[in-house]
């Protein structure tokens, strides 16, 4: 553990650059990994961005544990392929599967399975650890996720994400009874000020976020909802529903701290995916059945009100 106090001579320098020139044998890429991994914080524990410009008098705590950089190798893991052609592949991801390798999840991920299934035909835009990955869903979120098999398709799908012509519709069970049958949550989302693993509704270093929701069914103490993303921020549905006082059932990070209805991990399924095919220009609409864990939760909730 190392404490750094910024002096006048280094004020205004990017933090990753300053770390690399101040700490012996630390490369700039290693400094960036430390920052990305949350190993550089303010004294109150708040993590900082690698592009941050430092100011005189600021104090940073540096944990010199350089996080291991995982690699992505093909693994023969069964995939529920919903759609596939020469340009794209859409998979119904099971609950519990991580999308790409990261510290703590070196293998068994969707990327490992895609590398085995698709061979070399995955876009390289996402880098070595995220080949073909256009968007992500959380480990405990099930449902549809699209990957690109070439850079042309990847660029098109990424553009559609930005322009919102690629849309995703989720179903979830939330705690409590929503007052209205439908609504829009318009609240910016950014990194939680003190917990680097969480997101939060905040005006600080945040981006706009909008979630549309509508009620599908009401139960005693819970509500089955459909959520449509207008933006795609990290943990958006989980953060937004918790923000309005209705966290997702089973979400131990943003909601109640004990498992309920036999569920540990959010009850959230990416059910519907709409996009324009990158090559043909034709609209593609894909839909899945609710997975068994989700229907079991609904069964345990009992009869609708």
C-alpha atoms as a PDB file:
ATOM      1  CA  UNK A   1       0.000   0.000   0.000  1.00  0.00           C
ATOM      2  CA  UNK A   2       1.383   3.399  -0.982  1.00  0.00           C
ATOM      3  CA  UNK A   3       0.161   6.927  -0.223  1.00  0.00           C
ATOM      4  CA  UNK A   4       0.741   9.661  -2.814  1.00  0.00           C
ATOM      5  CA  UNK A   5       0.320  13.369  -2.084  1.00  0.00           C
ATOM      6  CA  UNK A   6       0.204  15.578  -5.174  1.00  0.00           C
ATOM      7  CA  UNK A   7       2.712  18.412  -5.250  1.00  0.00           C
ATOM      8  CA  UNK A   8       2.541  21.623  -7.248  1.00  0.00           C
ATOM      9  CA  UNK A   9       5.071  20.388  -9.815  1.00  0.00           C
ATOM     10  CA  UNK A  10       2.833  17.497 -10.888  1.00  0.00           C
ATOM     11  CA  UNK A  11      -0.536  19.252 -10.674  1.00  0.00           C
ATOM     12  CA  UNK A  12      -2.576  18.896 -13.865  1.00  0.00           C
ATOM     13  CA  UNK A  13      -1.042  15.572 -14.974  1.00  0.00           C
ATOM     14  CA  UNK A  14      -3.216  12.553 -15.783  1.00  0.00           C
ATOM     15  CA  UNK A  15      -3.243  10.160 -12.851  1.00  0.00           C
ATOM     16  CA  UNK A  16      -2.239   7.093 -14.886  1.00  0.00           C
ATOM     17  CA  UNK A  17       0.758   8.976 -16.290  1.00  0.00           C
ATOM     18  CA  UNK A  18       1.781  10.207 -12.843  1.00  0.00           C
ATOM     19  CA  UNK A  19       1.602   6.701 -11.374  1.00  0.00           C
ATOM     20  CA  UNK A  20       3.810   5.343 -14.155  1.00  0.00           C
ATOM     21  CA  UNK A  21       6.493   7.991 -13.696  1.00  0.00           C
ATOM     22  CA  UNK A  22       6.358   8.005  -9.895  1.00  0.00           C
ATOM     23  CA  UNK A  23       6.378   4.294  -9.057  1.00  0.00           C
ATOM     24  CA  UNK A  24       9.487   2.321 -10.070  1.00  0.00           C
ATOM     25  CA  UNK A  25       8.956  -0.537 -12.568  1.00  0.00           C
ATOM     26  CA  UNK A  26       5.283   0.347 -13.069  1.00  0.00           C
ATOM     27  CA  UNK A  27       4.310   0.663 -16.722  1.00  0.00           C
ATOM     28  CA  UNK A  28       1.520   2.947 -17.840  1.00  0.00           C
ATOM     29  CA  UNK A  29      -0.603  -0.064 -18.885  1.00  0.00           C
ATOM     30  CA  UNK A  30      -0.106  -1.580 -15.407  1.00  0.00           C
ATOM     31  CA  UNK A  31      -1.066   1.759 -13.861  1.00  0.00           C
ATOM     32  CA  UNK A  32      -4.237   1.790 -15.955  1.00  0.00           C
ATOM     33  CA  UNK A  33      -5.079  -1.749 -14.814  1.00  0.00           C
ATOM     34  CA  UNK A  34      -4.685  -0.658 -11.196  1.00  0.00           C
ATOM     35  CA  UNK A  35      -7.048   2.249 -11.801  1.00  0.00           C
ATOM     36  CA  UNK A  36      -9.579   0.213 -13.781  1.00  0.00           C
ATOM     37  CA  UNK A  37      -9.550  -2.447 -11.069  1.00  0.00           C
ATOM     38  CA  UNK A  38     -10.289   0.065  -8.315  1.00  0.00           C
ATOM     39  CA  UNK A  39      -6.884  -0.321  -6.671  1.00  0.00           C
ATOM     40  CA  UNK A  40      -6.312   3.465  -6.580  1.00  0.00           C
ATOM     41  CA  UNK A  41      -8.663   5.399  -4.305  1.00  0.00           C
ATOM     42  CA  UNK A  42      -9.126   8.606  -2.409  1.00  0.00           C
ATOM     43  CA  UNK A  43      -8.661   8.387   1.387  1.00  0.00           C
ATOM     44  CA  UNK A  44     -12.433   7.864   1.799  1.00  0.00           C
ATOM     45  CA  UNK A  45     -12.296   4.779  -0.436  1.00  0.00           C
ATOM     46  CA  UNK A  46     -13.726   6.380  -3.582  1.00  0.00           C
ATOM     47  CA  UNK A  47     -12.153   4.920  -6.720  1.00  0.00           C
ATOM     48  CA  UNK A  48     -10.831   7.281  -9.382  1.00  0.00           C
ATOM     49  CA  UNK A  49     -10.688   7.287 -13.167  1.00  0.00           C
ATOM     50  CA  UNK A  50      -7.434   6.765 -15.037  1.00  0.00           C
ATOM     51  CA  UNK A  51      -7.977   9.979 -17.033  1.00  0.00           C
ATOM     52  CA  UNK A  52      -8.359  12.129 -13.915  1.00  0.00           C
ATOM     53  CA  UNK A  53      -6.182  15.240 -13.813  1.00  0.00           C
ATOM     54  CA  UNK A  54      -4.610  15.560 -10.368  1.00  0.00           C
ATOM     55  CA  UNK A  55      -4.499  18.731  -8.276  1.00  0.00           C
ATOM     56  CA  UNK A  56      -1.988  19.945  -5.724  1.00  0.00           C
ATOM     57  CA  UNK A  57      -2.716  18.628  -2.239  1.00  0.00           C
ATOM     58  CA  UNK A  58      -4.821  15.650  -3.339  1.00  0.00           C
ATOM     59  CA  UNK A  59      -4.022  12.336  -1.661  1.00  0.00           C
ATOM     60  CA  UNK A  60      -4.344   8.935  -3.351  1.00  0.00           C
ATOM     61  CA  UNK A  61      -4.030   5.467  -1.842  1.00  0.00           C
ATOM     62  CA  UNK A  62      -2.423   2.938  -4.195  1.00  0.00           C
ATOM     63  CA  UNK A  63      -2.788  -0.799  -3.579  1.00  0.00           C
ATOM     64  CA  UNK A  64       0.174  -2.226  -5.482  1.00  0.00           C
ATOM     65  CA  UNK A  65      -1.608  -5.515  -6.170  1.00  0.00           C
ATOM     66  CA  UNK A  66      -1.510  -5.596  -9.980  1.00  0.00           C
ATOM     67  CA  UNK A  67      -4.671  -7.471 -10.981  1.00  0.00           C
ATOM     68  CA  UNK A  68      -4.095 -10.530 -13.097  1.00  0.00           C
ATOM     69  CA  UNK A  69      -5.023 -10.014 -16.731  1.00  0.00           C
ATOM     70  CA  UNK A  70      -7.080 -13.023 -17.843  1.00  0.00           C
ATOM     71  CA  UNK A  71      -7.123 -14.441 -21.354  1.00  0.00           C
ATOM     72  CA  UNK A  72      -9.971 -15.860 -23.406  1.00  0.00           C
ATOM     73  CA  UNK A  73      -9.695 -19.458 -24.592  1.00  0.00           C
ATOM     74  CA  UNK A  74     -12.284 -21.565 -26.454  1.00  0.00           C
ATOM     75  CA  UNK A  75     -14.328 -23.877 -24.226  1.00  0.00           C
ATOM     76  CA  UNK A  76     -16.908 -26.448 -25.232  1.00  0.00           C
ATOM     77  CA  UNK A  77     -19.839 -24.972 -23.315  1.00  0.00           C
ATOM     78  CA  UNK A  78     -23.382 -25.576 -24.622  1.00  0.00           C
ATOM     79  CA  UNK A  79     -25.107 -22.522 -26.057  1.00  0.00           C
ATOM     80  CA  UNK A  80     -28.813 -21.863 -26.567  1.00  0.00           C
ATOM     81  CA  UNK A  81     -28.515 -20.237 -30.000  1.00  0.00           C
ATOM     82  CA  UNK A  82     -31.681 -18.353 -30.943  1.00  0.00           C
ATOM     83  CA  UNK A  83     -30.452 -16.877 -34.244  1.00  0.00           C
ATOM     84  CA  UNK A  84     -27.257 -17.210 -36.264  1.00  0.00           C
ATOM     85  CA  UNK A  85     -25.942 -16.339 -39.712  1.00  0.00           C
ATOM     86  CA  UNK A  86     -22.644 -15.209 -41.216  1.00  0.00           C
ATOM     87  CA  UNK A  87     -22.798 -11.805 -39.500  1.00  0.00           C
ATOM     88  CA  UNK A  88     -24.459 -12.176 -36.106  1.00  0.00           C
ATOM     89  CA  UNK A  89     -25.268 -14.702 -33.436  1.00  0.00           C
ATOM     90  CA  UNK A  90     -27.923 -14.272 -30.738  1.00  0.00           C
ATOM     91  CA  UNK A  91     -27.729 -16.435 -27.623  1.00  0.00           C
ATOM     92  CA  UNK A  92     -30.205 -16.971 -24.793  1.00  0.00           C
ATOM     93  CA  UNK A  93     -27.716 -16.630 -21.925  1.00  0.00           C
ATOM     94  CA  UNK A  94     -28.476 -18.673 -18.814  1.00  0.00           C
ATOM     95  CA  UNK A  95     -28.587 -17.108 -15.393  1.00  0.00           C
ATOM     96  CA  UNK A  96     -25.208 -17.400 -13.648  1.00  0.00           C
ATOM     97  CA  UNK A  97     -23.019 -17.125 -16.768  1.00  0.00           C
ATOM     98  CA  UNK A  98     -20.560 -14.211 -16.962  1.00  0.00           C
ATOM     99  CA  UNK A  99     -20.343 -12.577 -20.397  1.00  0.00           C
ATOM    100  CA  UNK A 100     -16.558 -12.174 -20.748  1.00  0.00           C
ATOM    101  CA  UNK A 101     -13.393 -13.105 -18.806  1.00  0.00           C
ATOM    102  CA  UNK A 102     -12.366 -10.749 -16.003  1.00  0.00           C
ATOM    103  CA  UNK A 103     -10.440 -11.048 -12.746  1.00  0.00           C
ATOM    104  CA  UNK A 104     -12.285 -13.664 -10.703  1.00  0.00           C
ATOM    105  CA  UNK A 105     -13.969 -15.142 -13.797  1.00  0.00           C
ATOM    106  CA  UNK A 106     -11.152 -16.427 -15.980  1.00  0.00           C
ATOM    107  CA  UNK A 107     -13.218 -19.047 -17.819  1.00  0.00           C
ATOM    108  CA  UNK A 108     -16.665 -20.544 -18.213  1.00  0.00           C
ATOM    109  CA  UNK A 109     -17.916 -17.312 -19.759  1.00  0.00           C
ATOM    110  CA  UNK A 110     -20.081 -16.640 -22.789  1.00  0.00           C
ATOM    111  CA  UNK A 111     -16.996 -15.464 -24.683  1.00  0.00           C
ATOM    112  CA  UNK A 112     -15.249 -18.780 -23.993  1.00  0.00           C
ATOM    113  CA  UNK A 113     -18.283 -20.597 -25.386  1.00  0.00           C
ATOM    114  CA  UNK A 114     -18.550 -18.301 -28.421  1.00  0.00           C
ATOM    115  CA  UNK A 115     -14.876 -18.791 -29.276  1.00  0.00           C
ATOM    116  CA  UNK A 116     -15.434 -22.558 -29.371  1.00  0.00           C
ATOM    117  CA  UNK A 117     -18.710 -22.306 -31.301  1.00  0.00           C
ATOM    118  CA  UNK A 118     -17.672 -19.624 -33.827  1.00  0.00           C
ATOM    119  CA  UNK A 119     -13.941 -20.217 -34.140  1.00  0.00           C
ATOM    120  CA  UNK A 120     -12.155 -17.237 -35.655  1.00  0.00           C
ATOM    121  CA  UNK A 121     -15.357 -15.660 -36.982  1.00  0.00           C
ATOM    122  CA  UNK A 122     -15.923 -13.078 -34.234  1.00  0.00           C
ATOM    123  CA  UNK A 123     -15.428  -9.337 -34.485  1.00  0.00           C
ATOM    124  CA  UNK A 124     -12.159  -8.033 -33.069  1.00  0.00           C
ATOM    125  CA  UNK A 125     -13.482  -4.573 -32.188  1.00  0.00           C
ATOM    126  CA  UNK A 126     -14.174  -5.551 -28.585  1.00  0.00           C
ATOM    127  CA  UNK A 127     -10.575  -6.640 -28.021  1.00  0.00           C
ATOM    128  CA  UNK A 128      -9.039  -9.952 -27.004  1.00  0.00           C
ATOM    129  CA  UNK A 129     -11.298 -10.483 -23.984  1.00  0.00           C
ATOM    130  CA  UNK A 130     -14.555  -9.346 -25.616  1.00  0.00           C
ATOM    131  CA  UNK A 131     -14.518 -10.614 -29.208  1.00  0.00           C
ATOM    132  CA  UNK A 132     -17.854  -9.984 -30.869  1.00  0.00           C
ATOM    133  CA  UNK A 133     -19.466  -8.550 -27.742  1.00  0.00           C
ATOM    134  CA  UNK A 134     -21.717  -5.619 -28.649  1.00  0.00           C
ATOM    135  CA  UNK A 135     -23.505  -5.231 -25.310  1.00  0.00           C
ATOM    136  CA  UNK A 136     -23.498  -7.045 -21.968  1.00  0.00           C
ATOM    137  CA  UNK A 137     -25.963  -8.340 -19.424  1.00  0.00           C
ATOM    138  CA  UNK A 138     -25.155  -9.137 -15.810  1.00  0.00           C
ATOM    139  CA  UNK A 139     -24.109 -12.578 -14.590  1.00  0.00           C
ATOM    140  CA  UNK A 140     -27.434 -13.257 -12.855  1.00  0.00           C
ATOM    141  CA  UNK A 141     -29.531 -11.708 -15.631  1.00  0.00           C
ATOM    142  CA  UNK A 142     -30.728 -14.277 -18.149  1.00  0.00           C
ATOM    143  CA  UNK A 143     -31.812 -13.740 -21.723  1.00  0.00           C
ATOM    144  CA  UNK A 144     -30.928 -12.538 -25.191  1.00  0.00           C
ATOM    145  CA  UNK A 145     -27.521 -11.133 -26.059  1.00  0.00           C
ATOM    146  CA  UNK A 146     -26.166 -10.449 -29.541  1.00  0.00           C
ATOM    147  CA  UNK A 147     -22.580 -10.870 -30.753  1.00  0.00           C
ATOM    148  CA  UNK A 148     -21.012  -9.783 -34.040  1.00  0.00           C
ATOM    149  CA  UNK A 149     -19.078 -12.161 -36.267  1.00  0.00           C
ATOM    150  CA  UNK A 150     -17.169  -9.453 -38.131  1.00  0.00           C
ATOM    151  CA  UNK A 151     -16.188  -5.807 -37.735  1.00  0.00           C
ATOM    152  CA  UNK A 152     -18.765  -4.654 -40.293  1.00  0.00           C
ATOM    153  CA  UNK A 153     -21.591  -6.163 -38.264  1.00  0.00           C
ATOM    154  CA  UNK A 154     -20.112  -4.936 -34.990  1.00  0.00           C
ATOM    155  CA  UNK A 155     -19.911  -1.338 -36.202  1.00  0.00           C
ATOM    156  CA  UNK A 156     -23.501  -1.475 -37.462  1.00  0.00           C
ATOM    157  CA  UNK A 157     -24.893  -2.944 -34.241  1.00  0.00           C
ATOM    158  CA  UNK A 158     -22.950  -0.489 -32.080  1.00  0.00           C
ATOM    159  CA  UNK A 159     -24.386   2.353 -34.146  1.00  0.00           C
ATOM    160  CA  UNK A 160     -27.864   0.915 -33.637  1.00  0.00           C
ATOM    161  CA  UNK A 161     -27.289   0.850 -29.891  1.00  0.00           C
ATOM    162  CA  UNK A 162     -26.398   4.531 -29.994  1.00  0.00           C
ATOM    163  CA  UNK A 163     -29.343   5.449 -32.221  1.00  0.00           C
ATOM    164  CA  UNK A 164     -31.708   3.152 -30.265  1.00  0.00           C
ATOM    165  CA  UNK A 165     -32.768   1.158 -33.317  1.00  0.00           C
ATOM    166  CA  UNK A 166     -31.430  -1.875 -31.424  1.00  0.00           C
ATOM    167  CA  UNK A 167     -33.847  -2.288 -28.545  1.00  0.00           C
ATOM    168  CA  UNK A 168     -34.082  -4.652 -25.589  1.00  0.00           C
ATOM    169  CA  UNK A 169     -37.149  -5.499 -23.548  1.00  0.00           C
ATOM    170  CA  UNK A 170     -36.815  -7.157 -20.141  1.00  0.00           C
ATOM    171  CA  UNK A 171     -39.172  -8.732 -17.659  1.00  0.00           C
ATOM    172  CA  UNK A 172     -38.549  -8.535 -13.933  1.00  0.00           C
ATOM    173  CA  UNK A 173     -40.156  -9.074 -10.564  1.00  0.00           C
ATOM    174  CA  UNK A 174     -39.776  -6.116  -8.220  1.00  0.00           C
ATOM    175  CA  UNK A 175     -40.489  -5.748  -4.513  1.00  0.00           C
ATOM    176  CA  UNK A 176     -43.581  -3.854  -3.463  1.00  0.00           C
ATOM    177  CA  UNK A 177     -46.606  -2.659  -5.397  1.00  0.00           C
ATOM    178  CA  UNK A 178     -46.006  -0.029  -8.058  1.00  0.00           C
ATOM    179  CA  UNK A 179     -48.458   2.838  -7.775  1.00  0.00           C
ATOM    180  CA  UNK A 180     -48.856   3.348 -11.529  1.00  0.00           C
ATOM    181  CA  UNK A 181     -49.410   0.766 -14.255  1.00  0.00           C
ATOM    182  CA  UNK A 182     -46.707   2.376 -16.396  1.00  0.00           C
ATOM    183  CA  UNK A 183     -44.108   5.101 -16.198  1.00  0.00           C
ATOM    184  CA  UNK A 184     -40.676   6.408 -17.154  1.00  0.00           C
ATOM    185  CA  UNK A 185     -37.669   6.685 -14.848  1.00  0.00           C
ATOM    186  CA  UNK A 186     -35.432   9.496 -16.083  1.00  0.00           C
ATOM    187  CA  UNK A 187     -32.428   9.737 -13.762  1.00  0.00           C
ATOM    188  CA  UNK A 188     -28.675   9.898 -14.555  1.00  0.00           C
ATOM    189  CA  UNK A 189     -26.500   6.946 -13.563  1.00  0.00           C
ATOM    190  CA  UNK A 190     -22.819   6.912 -12.638  1.00  0.00           C
ATOM    191  CA  UNK A 191     -20.341   5.131 -10.417  1.00  0.00           C
ATOM    192  CA  UNK A 192     -21.387   4.958  -6.765  1.00  0.00           C
ATOM    193  CA  UNK A 193     -19.399   7.600  -4.838  1.00  0.00           C
ATOM    194  CA  UNK A 194     -17.952   5.137  -2.302  1.00  0.00           C
ATOM    195  CA  UNK A 195     -18.426   1.626  -3.726  1.00  0.00           C
ATOM    196  CA  UNK A 196     -16.620   0.971  -7.031  1.00  0.00           C
ATOM    197  CA  UNK A 197     -18.635  -2.201  -7.702  1.00  0.00           C
ATOM    198  CA  UNK A 198     -21.979  -0.401  -7.683  1.00  0.00           C
ATOM    199  CA  UNK A 199     -23.746   2.205  -9.796  1.00  0.00           C
ATOM    200  CA  UNK A 200     -26.048   4.906  -8.468  1.00  0.00           C
ATOM    201  CA  UNK A 201     -28.390   7.671  -9.513  1.00  0.00           C
ATOM    202  CA  UNK A 202     -26.113  10.687  -9.237  1.00  0.00           C
ATOM    203  CA  UNK A 203     -25.337  14.007 -10.903  1.00  0.00           C
ATOM    204  CA  UNK A 204     -21.602  13.447 -10.438  1.00  0.00           C
ATOM    205  CA  UNK A 205     -19.694  11.921 -13.385  1.00  0.00           C
ATOM    206  CA  UNK A 206     -22.925  10.381 -14.655  1.00  0.00           C
ATOM    207  CA  UNK A 207     -24.690   9.847 -17.960  1.00  0.00           C
ATOM    208  CA  UNK A 208     -28.381  10.256 -18.847  1.00  0.00           C
ATOM    209  CA  UNK A 209     -30.499   7.116 -18.324  1.00  0.00           C
ATOM    210  CA  UNK A 210     -34.164   6.423 -19.134  1.00  0.00           C
ATOM    211  CA  UNK A 211     -36.134   3.262 -18.364  1.00  0.00           C
ATOM    212  CA  UNK A 212     -39.755   2.720 -19.408  1.00  0.00           C
ATOM    213  CA  UNK A 213     -41.798   0.223 -17.391  1.00  0.00           C
ATOM    214  CA  UNK A 214     -45.283  -1.262 -17.397  1.00  0.00           C
ATOM    215  CA  UNK A 215     -46.999  -3.632 -15.010  1.00  0.00           C
ATOM    216  CA  UNK A 216     -47.719  -7.180 -16.236  1.00  0.00           C
ATOM    217  CA  UNK A 217     -49.099  -8.633 -12.984  1.00  0.00           C
ATOM    218  CA  UNK A 218     -49.559  -7.722  -9.338  1.00  0.00           C
ATOM    219  CA  UNK A 219     -49.008 -10.075  -6.406  1.00  0.00           C
ATOM    220  CA  UNK A 220     -49.040  -9.724  -2.640  1.00  0.00           C
ATOM    221  CA  UNK A 221     -45.951  -7.591  -1.981  1.00  0.00           C
ATOM    222  CA  UNK A 222     -44.433  -7.925  -5.462  1.00  0.00           C
ATOM    223  CA  UNK A 223     -45.013  -6.748  -9.041  1.00  0.00           C
ATOM    224  CA  UNK A 224     -44.210  -8.414 -12.369  1.00  0.00           C
ATOM    225  CA  UNK A 225     -43.051  -5.701 -14.778  1.00  0.00           C
ATOM    226  CA  UNK A 226     -41.833  -5.201 -18.327  1.00  0.00           C
ATOM    227  CA  UNK A 227     -38.899  -2.793 -18.735  1.00  0.00           C
ATOM    228  CA  UNK A 228     -37.779  -1.141 -21.959  1.00  0.00           C
ATOM    229  CA  UNK A 229     -34.366   0.517 -22.099  1.00  0.00           C
ATOM    230  CA  UNK A 230     -34.014   3.856 -23.859  1.00  0.00           C
ATOM    231  CA  UNK A 231     -30.356   3.949 -22.788  1.00  0.00           C
ATOM    232  CA  UNK A 232     -28.010   1.162 -21.773  1.00  0.00           C
ATOM    233  CA  UNK A 233     -26.127   2.068 -18.610  1.00  0.00           C
ATOM    234  CA  UNK A 234     -24.486  -0.520 -16.370  1.00  0.00           C
ATOM    235  CA  UNK A 235     -27.071  -2.115 -14.023  1.00  0.00           C
ATOM    236  CA  UNK A 236     -29.632   0.392 -15.333  1.00  0.00           C
ATOM    237  CA  UNK A 237     -32.858  -1.474 -14.548  1.00  0.00           C
ATOM    238  CA  UNK A 238     -31.565  -2.609 -11.165  1.00  0.00           C
ATOM    239  CA  UNK A 239     -30.459   0.910 -10.195  1.00  0.00           C
ATOM    240  CA  UNK A 240     -33.565   2.659 -11.509  1.00  0.00           C
ATOM    241  CA  UNK A 241     -36.082   0.328  -9.890  1.00  0.00           C
ATOM    242  CA  UNK A 242     -34.241   0.567  -6.557  1.00  0.00           C
ATOM    243  CA  UNK A 243     -34.189   4.350  -6.948  1.00  0.00           C
ATOM    244  CA  UNK A 244     -38.010   4.506  -7.078  1.00  0.00           C
ATOM    245  CA  UNK A 245     -38.269   2.216  -4.064  1.00  0.00           C
ATOM    246  CA  UNK A 246     -38.960  -1.067  -5.873  1.00  0.00           C
ATOM    247  CA  UNK A 247     -35.704  -3.062  -6.098  1.00  0.00           C
ATOM    248  CA  UNK A 248     -35.645  -6.283  -8.065  1.00  0.00           C
ATOM    249  CA  UNK A 249     -36.540  -9.420  -6.183  1.00  0.00           C
ATOM    250  CA  UNK A 250     -33.341 -11.250  -5.244  1.00  0.00           C
ATOM    251  CA  UNK A 251     -31.029  -8.309  -5.929  1.00  0.00           C
ATOM    252  CA  UNK A 252     -28.710  -8.444  -2.925  1.00  0.00           C
ATOM    253  CA  UNK A 253     -26.647  -5.476  -4.184  1.00  0.00           C
ATOM    254  CA  UNK A 254     -29.316  -2.846  -4.769  1.00  0.00           C
ATOM    255  CA  UNK A 255     -32.238  -4.351  -2.883  1.00  0.00           C
ATOM    256  CA  UNK A 256     -33.027  -6.357   0.194  1.00  0.00           C
ATOM    257  CA  UNK A 257     -30.006  -8.044   1.743  1.00  0.00           C
ATOM    258  CA  UNK A 258     -31.508 -11.517   2.224  1.00  0.00           C
ATOM    259  CA  UNK A 259     -32.620 -14.011  -0.450  1.00  0.00           C
ATOM    260  CA  UNK A 260     -36.384 -14.153  -0.997  1.00  0.00           C
ATOM    261  CA  UNK A 261     -38.583 -16.740  -2.662  1.00  0.00           C
ATOM    262  CA  UNK A 262     -35.561 -19.016  -2.992  1.00  0.00           C
ATOM    263  CA  UNK A 263     -33.753 -16.503  -5.209  1.00  0.00           C
ATOM    264  CA  UNK A 264     -30.285 -15.089  -4.660  1.00  0.00           C
ATOM    265  CA  UNK A 265     -29.564 -12.774  -7.573  1.00  0.00           C
ATOM    266  CA  UNK A 266     -31.936 -10.466  -9.420  1.00  0.00           C
ATOM    267  CA  UNK A 267     -35.077 -11.811 -11.098  1.00  0.00           C
ATOM    268  CA  UNK A 268     -34.441 -10.221 -14.506  1.00  0.00           C
ATOM    269  CA  UNK A 269     -34.724 -11.696 -17.994  1.00  0.00           C
ATOM    270  CA  UNK A 270     -33.809 -10.060 -21.332  1.00  0.00           C
ATOM    271  CA  UNK A 271     -36.838 -11.413 -23.156  1.00  0.00           C
ATOM    272  CA  UNK A 272     -37.057  -9.543 -26.463  1.00  0.00           C
ATOM    273  CA  UNK A 273     -34.436  -8.202 -28.863  1.00  0.00           C
ATOM    274  CA  UNK A 274     -35.070  -6.029 -31.913  1.00  0.00           C
ATOM    275  CA  UNK A 275     -32.412  -4.929 -34.398  1.00  0.00           C
ATOM    276  CA  UNK A 276     -31.807  -4.151 -38.058  1.00  0.00           C
ATOM    277  CA  UNK A 277     -29.729  -6.822 -39.775  1.00  0.00           C
ATOM    278  CA  UNK A 278     -26.360  -5.204 -40.572  1.00  0.00           C
ATOM    279  CA  UNK A 279     -26.148  -6.595 -44.112  1.00  0.00           C
ATOM    280  CA  UNK A 280     -29.700  -7.091 -45.351  1.00  0.00           C
ATOM    281  CA  UNK A 281     -31.262  -4.090 -43.638  1.00  0.00           C
ATOM    282  CA  UNK A 282     -34.222  -6.241 -42.631  1.00  0.00           C
ATOM    283  CA  UNK A 283     -35.737  -5.857 -39.138  1.00  0.00           C
ATOM    284  CA  UNK A 284     -35.160  -8.836 -36.839  1.00  0.00           C
ATOM    285  CA  UNK A 285     -37.440  -9.508 -33.851  1.00  0.00           C
ATOM    286  CA  UNK A 286     -36.516 -12.279 -31.426  1.00  0.00           C
ATOM    287  CA  UNK A 287     -38.380 -13.353 -28.304  1.00  0.00           C
ATOM    288  CA  UNK A 288     -37.830 -16.034 -25.651  1.00  0.00           C
ATOM    289  CA  UNK A 289     -39.957 -17.835 -23.106  1.00  0.00           C
ATOM    290  CA  UNK A 290     -39.403 -16.974 -19.473  1.00  0.00           C
ATOM    291  CA  UNK A 291     -36.792 -19.341 -17.981  1.00  0.00           C
ATOM    292  CA  UNK A 292     -37.671 -21.925 -15.374  1.00  0.00           C
ATOM    293  CA  UNK A 293     -36.278 -19.953 -12.417  1.00  0.00           C
ATOM    294  CA  UNK A 294     -38.504 -17.009 -13.352  1.00  0.00           C
ATOM    295  CA  UNK A 295     -41.687 -19.036 -13.759  1.00  0.00           C
ATOM    296  CA  UNK A 296     -40.918 -20.775 -10.451  1.00  0.00           C
ATOM    297  CA  UNK A 297     -40.721 -17.370  -8.748  1.00  0.00           C
ATOM    298  CA  UNK A 298     -44.118 -16.420 -10.204  1.00  0.00           C
ATOM    299  CA  UNK A 299     -45.517 -19.727  -8.964  1.00  0.00           C
ATOM    300  CA  UNK A 300     -44.236 -19.033  -5.449  1.00  0.00           C
ATOM    301  CA  UNK A 301     -45.802 -15.590  -5.469  1.00  0.00           C
ATOM    302  CA  UNK A 302     -49.234 -17.195  -5.732  1.00  0.00           C
ATOM    303  CA  UNK A 303     -52.323 -15.847  -7.446  1.00  0.00           C
ATOM    304  CA  UNK A 304     -52.385 -12.420  -9.068  1.00  0.00           C
ATOM    305  CA  UNK A 305     -54.317  -9.718  -7.233  1.00  0.00           C
END
